[in-house]
């Protein structure tokens, strides 16, 4: 049996760490770096959409750490 990438079996876990505060400058959660839309839609996203969001999170952290929003 094969599964495709959009199968629920391939769903990544939520990146939520329980620090649910939206930063005014970035509009990203200070805990997981997702937008409100990404947080709200997470459980409706398919695996591919979830992986696409997760792929952006490291870049967002790098941008914050580099002072891009200061």
N, C-alpha and C. Protein backbone atom coordinates (compact mmCIF):
# COMPACT_ATOMS: atom_id res chain seq x y z
N UNK A 1 0.84 -1.18 0.00
CA UNK A 1 0.00 0.00 0.00
C UNK A 1 0.89 1.24 0.00
N UNK A 2 0.53 2.22 -0.81
CA UNK A 2 1.29 3.46 -0.86
C UNK A 2 0.40 4.60 -0.37
N UNK A 3 1.04 5.62 0.16
CA UNK A 3 0.32 6.83 0.56
C UNK A 3 0.95 8.00 -0.16
N UNK A 4 0.13 9.02 -0.43
CA UNK A 4 0.68 10.23 -1.04
C UNK A 4 0.99 11.24 0.04
N UNK A 5 1.65 12.32 -0.35
CA UNK A 5 2.07 13.32 0.63
C UNK A 5 0.91 14.04 1.29
N UNK A 6 -0.28 14.03 0.69
CA UNK A 6 -1.40 14.73 1.28
C UNK A 6 -2.24 13.82 2.18
N UNK A 7 -1.77 12.63 2.43
CA UNK A 7 -2.47 11.70 3.30
C UNK A 7 -2.37 12.17 4.75
N UNK A 8 -3.45 12.01 5.54
CA UNK A 8 -3.38 12.35 6.96
C UNK A 8 -2.28 11.59 7.70
N UNK A 9 -1.87 10.46 7.17
CA UNK A 9 -0.78 9.70 7.80
C UNK A 9 0.53 10.46 7.74
N UNK A 10 0.65 11.39 6.79
CA UNK A 10 1.87 12.19 6.64
C UNK A 10 1.75 13.58 7.26
N UNK A 11 0.67 13.82 8.00
CA UNK A 11 0.48 15.13 8.62
C UNK A 11 1.57 15.40 9.64
N UNK A 12 2.22 16.54 9.53
CA UNK A 12 3.17 16.92 10.58
C UNK A 12 2.38 17.38 11.81
N UNK A 13 2.98 17.28 12.97
CA UNK A 13 2.28 17.78 14.16
C UNK A 13 2.20 19.31 14.13
N UNK A 14 1.27 19.85 14.85
CA UNK A 14 1.15 21.30 14.95
C UNK A 14 2.42 21.87 15.57
N UNK A 15 2.91 22.99 15.04
CA UNK A 15 4.10 23.61 15.61
C UNK A 15 3.80 24.44 16.86
N UNK A 16 2.56 24.45 17.32
CA UNK A 16 2.17 25.23 18.49
C UNK A 16 2.97 24.80 19.71
N UNK A 17 3.48 25.80 20.43
CA UNK A 17 4.23 25.54 21.67
C UNK A 17 3.53 26.16 22.88
N UNK A 18 2.31 26.63 22.69
CA UNK A 18 1.53 27.16 23.78
C UNK A 18 1.83 28.61 24.15
N UNK A 19 2.61 29.30 23.33
CA UNK A 19 2.89 30.73 23.53
C UNK A 19 2.10 31.45 22.44
N UNK A 20 0.86 31.74 22.72
CA UNK A 20 -0.05 32.24 21.69
C UNK A 20 -0.21 33.75 21.80
N UNK A 21 0.76 34.46 21.25
CA UNK A 21 0.77 35.92 21.25
C UNK A 21 1.15 36.37 19.84
N UNK A 22 0.31 37.19 19.24
CA UNK A 22 0.61 37.69 17.90
C UNK A 22 1.44 38.97 18.02
N UNK A 23 2.63 38.96 17.41
CA UNK A 23 3.52 40.12 17.44
C UNK A 23 2.96 41.20 16.52
N UNK A 24 2.84 42.42 17.02
CA UNK A 24 2.26 43.50 16.20
C UNK A 24 3.03 43.78 14.91
N UNK A 25 4.36 43.73 14.96
CA UNK A 25 5.15 44.08 13.77
C UNK A 25 5.10 43.02 12.69
N UNK A 26 5.12 41.76 13.07
CA UNK A 26 5.18 40.69 12.08
C UNK A 26 3.84 40.06 11.77
N UNK A 27 2.91 40.16 12.72
CA UNK A 27 1.63 39.47 12.64
C UNK A 27 1.80 37.95 12.68
N UNK A 28 2.90 37.51 13.27
CA UNK A 28 3.17 36.08 13.47
C UNK A 28 3.07 35.78 14.95
N UNK A 29 2.67 34.57 15.26
CA UNK A 29 2.65 34.12 16.65
C UNK A 29 4.08 34.10 17.18
N UNK A 30 4.28 34.59 18.40
CA UNK A 30 5.62 34.61 18.98
C UNK A 30 6.09 33.23 19.40
N UNK A 31 5.19 32.27 19.47
CA UNK A 31 5.58 30.91 19.85
C UNK A 31 5.90 30.02 18.65
N UNK A 32 5.04 30.05 17.64
CA UNK A 32 5.21 29.12 16.51
C UNK A 32 5.50 29.81 15.19
N UNK A 33 5.39 31.13 15.14
CA UNK A 33 5.69 31.95 13.96
C UNK A 33 4.69 31.78 12.82
N UNK A 34 3.50 31.25 13.14
CA UNK A 34 2.45 31.17 12.13
C UNK A 34 1.59 32.42 12.17
N UNK A 35 0.90 32.70 11.06
CA UNK A 35 -0.07 33.79 11.02
C UNK A 35 -1.37 33.32 11.66
N UNK A 36 -2.25 34.26 11.96
CA UNK A 36 -3.55 33.88 12.50
C UNK A 36 -4.31 32.97 11.53
N UNK A 37 -4.24 33.27 10.24
CA UNK A 37 -4.91 32.43 9.25
C UNK A 37 -4.35 31.01 9.24
N UNK A 38 -3.03 30.90 9.36
CA UNK A 38 -2.40 29.57 9.38
C UNK A 38 -2.79 28.80 10.64
N UNK A 39 -2.86 29.50 11.76
CA UNK A 39 -3.26 28.85 13.00
C UNK A 39 -4.71 28.39 12.92
N UNK A 40 -5.58 29.28 12.47
CA UNK A 40 -7.01 28.98 12.39
C UNK A 40 -7.30 27.85 11.39
N UNK A 41 -6.55 27.81 10.31
CA UNK A 41 -6.82 26.82 9.27
C UNK A 41 -6.10 25.50 9.43
N UNK A 42 -5.20 25.42 10.42
CA UNK A 42 -4.32 24.25 10.54
C UNK A 42 -5.07 22.93 10.45
N UNK A 43 -6.15 22.78 11.19
CA UNK A 43 -6.84 21.48 11.24
C UNK A 43 -7.61 21.20 9.97
N UNK A 44 -7.83 22.21 9.13
CA UNK A 44 -8.49 22.01 7.84
C UNK A 44 -7.50 21.82 6.70
N UNK A 45 -6.24 22.13 6.93
CA UNK A 45 -5.22 21.98 5.89
C UNK A 45 -4.94 20.51 5.63
N UNK A 46 -4.60 20.21 4.38
CA UNK A 46 -4.13 18.86 4.08
C UNK A 46 -2.63 18.79 4.40
N UNK A 47 -2.05 17.62 4.29
CA UNK A 47 -0.63 17.43 4.64
C UNK A 47 0.29 18.35 3.86
N UNK A 48 0.03 18.50 2.57
CA UNK A 48 0.88 19.35 1.75
C UNK A 48 0.84 20.80 2.23
N UNK A 49 -0.33 21.29 2.58
CA UNK A 49 -0.46 22.65 3.07
C UNK A 49 0.27 22.82 4.41
N UNK A 50 0.15 21.84 5.28
CA UNK A 50 0.84 21.90 6.58
C UNK A 50 2.35 21.90 6.39
N UNK A 51 2.85 21.05 5.52
CA UNK A 51 4.29 21.01 5.24
C UNK A 51 4.76 22.34 4.65
N UNK A 52 3.95 22.97 3.81
CA UNK A 52 4.31 24.25 3.21
C UNK A 52 4.42 25.33 4.29
N UNK A 53 3.52 25.33 5.25
CA UNK A 53 3.60 26.29 6.35
C UNK A 53 4.86 26.04 7.17
N UNK A 54 5.09 24.81 7.53
CA UNK A 54 6.26 24.47 8.34
C UNK A 54 7.56 24.86 7.63
N UNK A 55 7.59 24.72 6.31
CA UNK A 55 8.78 25.08 5.54
C UNK A 55 9.11 26.56 5.66
N UNK A 56 8.12 27.40 5.96
CA UNK A 56 8.34 28.84 6.08
C UNK A 56 8.78 29.27 7.47
N UNK A 57 8.57 28.44 8.48
CA UNK A 57 8.79 28.85 9.86
C UNK A 57 10.24 29.16 10.19
N UNK A 58 11.18 28.36 9.71
CA UNK A 58 12.60 28.63 9.97
C UNK A 58 13.02 29.96 9.37
N UNK A 59 12.54 30.25 8.16
CA UNK A 59 12.87 31.53 7.52
C UNK A 59 12.31 32.70 8.32
N UNK A 60 11.12 32.53 8.84
CA UNK A 60 10.53 33.60 9.65
C UNK A 60 11.34 33.84 10.91
N UNK A 61 11.78 32.76 11.56
CA UNK A 61 12.61 32.89 12.76
C UNK A 61 13.92 33.60 12.43
N UNK A 62 14.54 33.24 11.32
CA UNK A 62 15.79 33.88 10.90
C UNK A 62 15.56 35.38 10.68
N UNK A 63 14.46 35.73 10.06
CA UNK A 63 14.16 37.15 9.82
C UNK A 63 13.98 37.90 11.13
N UNK A 64 13.33 37.28 12.09
CA UNK A 64 13.15 37.92 13.40
C UNK A 64 14.50 38.07 14.10
N UNK A 65 15.29 37.01 14.10
CA UNK A 65 16.57 37.02 14.79
C UNK A 65 17.55 38.00 14.16
N UNK A 66 17.41 38.23 12.86
CA UNK A 66 18.33 39.14 12.16
C UNK A 66 17.96 40.61 12.40
N UNK A 67 16.83 40.85 13.05
CA UNK A 67 16.41 42.22 13.32
C UNK A 67 15.65 42.86 12.18
N UNK A 68 15.17 42.06 11.24
CA UNK A 68 14.48 42.58 10.07
C UNK A 68 13.23 43.38 10.44
N UNK A 69 12.72 43.20 11.63
CA UNK A 69 11.47 43.87 12.02
C UNK A 69 11.68 44.91 13.11
N UNK A 70 12.92 45.22 13.43
CA UNK A 70 13.19 46.23 14.47
C UNK A 70 13.06 47.63 13.92
